[in-house]
Amino acid sequence: MISVAQIRDFLVKGCSLVTILIYLLIAGLLVAAAVVGAVEAIQLLKAAAAMPTQETMTAALQSILLIIVIATLIDMVRSYVTYGRVLVRPILIAGVTTMVRRLLVASPSFMDILGITIVILGLTVAMIYLGREDREVTKFLSGNKDAAVLENEAAKAGEPEK
């Protein structure tokens, strides 16, 4: 007879597998989007080299920044599949890059520029503080503890730092 614990374990493993398969599908779609974006970026760079105007340069830069956002999202998917956890740092990097793109898309008003700048600063501060935690979690999950992690553990245990 199958116990409730066995059924629960089977369901958890099944749901985890489905989640990973969905993330892998998303990663494949993101890679395809990055390839298409790279082809477009090359074409836009050629057009900007042939006729270097503000519009052509801005379009090329926006295309490159979009590829950076897509690459960051791919990294987020990789971290989930590798560590079983979504890391915050890639999401914050994508947010900062998206805000920079937004500044370039249209001619924003002063209030738009001010708001976007505040968002960029907030995301940068969050990236510095939360990204530090992500690095520690990543190193812990991969089995590599650096000196900062060891110092944190020593401080929590009340031991003197070495």
Protein backbone atom coordinates (compact mmCIF):
# COMPACT_ATOMS: atom_id res chain seq x y z
CA MET A 1 0.00 0.00 0.00
CA ILE A 2 1.23 3.48 -0.90
CA SER A 3 1.57 5.86 2.02
CA VAL A 4 0.58 9.51 2.06
CA ALA A 5 4.27 10.49 2.40
CA GLN A 6 5.14 8.54 -0.78
CA ILE A 7 2.32 10.21 -2.70
CA ARG A 8 3.44 13.63 -1.42
CA ASP A 9 7.06 12.95 -2.43
CA PHE A 10 5.94 11.78 -5.88
CA LEU A 11 3.83 14.93 -6.36
CA VAL A 12 6.65 17.20 -5.20
CA LYS A 13 9.14 15.56 -7.56
CA GLY A 14 6.63 15.69 -10.41
CA CYS A 15 5.86 19.36 -9.86
CA SER A 16 9.58 20.16 -9.63
CA LEU A 17 10.21 18.34 -12.90
CA VAL A 18 7.37 20.17 -14.63
CA THR A 19 8.67 23.50 -13.34
CA ILE A 20 12.18 22.75 -14.59
CA LEU A 21 10.82 21.70 -18.00
CA ILE A 22 8.85 24.95 -18.24
CA TYR A 23 11.97 26.95 -17.34
CA LEU A 24 13.98 25.05 -19.95
CA LEU A 25 11.32 25.86 -22.56
CA ILE A 26 11.48 29.52 -21.52
CA ALA A 27 15.28 29.41 -21.75
CA GLY A 28 15.04 28.01 -25.28
CA LEU A 29 12.64 30.77 -26.31
CA LEU A 30 14.90 33.39 -24.72
CA VAL A 31 17.92 32.02 -26.60
CA ALA A 32 15.95 32.20 -29.86
CA ALA A 33 14.94 35.79 -29.04
CA ALA A 34 18.57 36.65 -28.27
CA VAL A 35 19.72 35.23 -31.61
CA VAL A 36 17.04 37.17 -33.50
CA GLY A 37 17.94 40.28 -31.47
CA ALA A 38 21.63 39.84 -32.26
CA VAL A 39 20.92 39.60 -35.99
CA GLU A 40 18.80 42.75 -35.76
CA ALA A 41 21.48 44.53 -33.69
CA ILE A 42 24.10 43.73 -36.34
CA GLN A 43 21.83 45.14 -39.05
CA LEU A 44 21.17 48.26 -36.98
CA LEU A 45 24.90 48.71 -36.31
CA LYS A 46 25.58 48.44 -40.05
CA ALA A 47 22.90 51.06 -40.70
CA ALA A 48 24.36 53.29 -37.97
CA ALA A 49 27.84 52.94 -39.47
CA ALA A 50 26.52 53.83 -42.92
CA MET A 51 24.50 56.80 -41.68
CA PRO A 52 25.50 57.80 -38.13
CA THR A 53 22.55 59.79 -36.88
CA GLN A 54 21.11 60.00 -33.40
CA GLU A 55 18.15 57.83 -34.43
CA THR A 56 20.24 55.02 -35.92
CA MET A 57 22.68 55.00 -33.01
CA THR A 58 19.84 55.00 -30.49
CA ALA A 59 18.11 52.11 -32.26
CA ALA A 60 21.35 50.09 -32.28
CA LEU A 61 21.98 50.81 -28.60
CA GLN A 62 18.42 49.87 -27.65
CA SER A 63 18.81 46.59 -29.51
CA ILE A 64 22.06 45.82 -27.69
CA LEU A 65 20.49 46.65 -24.31
CA LEU A 66 17.56 44.36 -25.12
CA ILE A 67 20.01 41.52 -25.76
CA ILE A 68 21.59 42.23 -22.35
CA VAL A 69 18.15 42.00 -20.71
CA ILE A 70 17.45 38.70 -22.49
CA ALA A 71 20.87 37.32 -21.48
CA THR A 72 20.16 38.31 -17.88
CA LEU A 73 16.83 36.50 -17.98
CA ILE A 74 18.58 33.43 -19.40
CA ASP A 75 21.01 33.62 -16.46
CA MET A 76 18.06 33.77 -14.09
CA VAL A 77 16.59 30.62 -15.62
CA ARG A 78 20.02 28.93 -15.41
CA SER A 79 20.31 29.79 -11.74
CA TYR A 80 16.87 28.33 -11.05
CA VAL A 81 17.63 25.09 -12.88
CA THR A 82 21.09 24.84 -11.26
CA TYR A 83 20.26 25.85 -7.69
CA GLY A 84 16.50 25.36 -7.52
CA ARG A 85 16.08 28.99 -6.54
CA VAL A 86 15.54 32.24 -8.40
CA LEU A 87 18.37 34.64 -7.57
CA VAL A 88 17.50 38.31 -7.16
CA ARG A 89 20.61 39.83 -8.76
CA PRO A 90 19.80 38.89 -12.40
CA ILE A 91 16.31 40.33 -12.02
CA LEU A 92 17.72 43.59 -10.66
CA ILE A 93 20.27 43.81 -13.49
CA ALA A 94 17.47 43.30 -16.01
CA GLY A 95 15.49 46.05 -14.25
CA VAL A 96 18.35 48.56 -14.41
CA THR A 97 19.00 47.75 -18.07
CA THR A 98 15.29 48.10 -18.86
CA MET A 99 15.15 51.50 -17.17
CA VAL A 100 18.16 52.68 -19.19
CA ARG A 101 16.40 51.48 -22.34
CA ARG A 102 13.29 53.38 -21.29
CA LEU A 103 15.32 56.58 -21.08
CA LEU A 104 16.40 56.01 -24.68
CA VAL A 105 13.04 55.01 -26.18
CA ALA A 106 11.33 58.36 -26.31
CA SER A 107 12.00 61.90 -25.33
CA PRO A 108 10.85 61.68 -21.72
CA SER A 109 9.74 64.69 -19.74
CA PHE A 110 11.72 65.97 -16.77
CA MET A 111 9.43 64.13 -14.36
CA ASP A 112 9.87 60.88 -16.32
CA ILE A 113 13.65 61.28 -16.22
CA LEU A 114 13.52 62.00 -12.50
CA GLY A 115 11.30 58.98 -11.81
CA ILE A 116 13.41 56.64 -13.93
CA THR A 117 16.58 57.89 -12.25
CA ILE A 118 15.09 57.21 -8.81
CA VAL A 119 14.09 53.70 -9.92
CA ILE A 120 17.59 53.06 -11.30
CA LEU A 121 19.18 54.23 -8.05
CA GLY A 122 16.81 52.07 -6.00
CA LEU A 123 17.52 49.01 -8.14
CA THR A 124 21.26 49.66 -7.90
CA VAL A 125 21.13 49.88 -4.10
CA ALA A 126 19.02 46.72 -3.97
CA MET A 127 21.49 45.01 -6.31
CA ILE A 128 24.38 45.87 -4.01
CA TYR A 129 22.70 44.64 -0.82
CA LEU A 130 20.60 41.75 -2.09
CA GLY A 131 23.20 40.69 -4.64
CA ARG A 132 25.66 40.11 -1.82
CA GLU A 133 23.22 37.63 -0.30
CA ASP A 134 22.75 35.94 -3.68
CA ARG A 135 26.51 35.50 -4.05
CA GLU A 136 26.73 33.91 -0.62
CA VAL A 137 23.80 31.59 -1.37
CA THR A 138 25.28 30.64 -4.75
CA LYS A 139 28.66 29.83 -3.21
CA PHE A 140 27.03 27.90 -0.39
CA LEU A 141 24.87 25.89 -2.78
CA SER A 142 27.82 25.14 -5.03
CA GLY A 143 29.94 24.10 -2.04
CA ASN A 144 32.48 26.94 -2.31
CA LYS A 145 32.62 29.17 0.74
CA ASP A 146 34.73 32.27 0.44
CA ALA A 147 36.32 34.24 3.25
CA ALA A 148 33.34 36.60 3.62
CA VAL A 149 30.92 33.72 4.16
CA LEU A 150 33.29 32.08 6.65
CA GLU A 151 33.65 35.40 8.50
CA ASN A 152 29.87 35.78 8.66
CA GLU A 153 29.51 32.28 10.05
CA ALA A 154 32.27 32.95 12.60
CA ALA A 155 30.62 36.22 13.66
CA LYS A 156 27.26 34.48 14.09
CA ALA A 157 28.88 31.74 16.15
CA GLY A 158 30.62 34.34 18.32
CA GLU A 159 34.10 33.23 17.33
CA PRO A 160 36.87 35.77 16.74
CA GLU A 161 37.71 36.53 13.12
CA LYS A 162 40.90 35.01 11.76
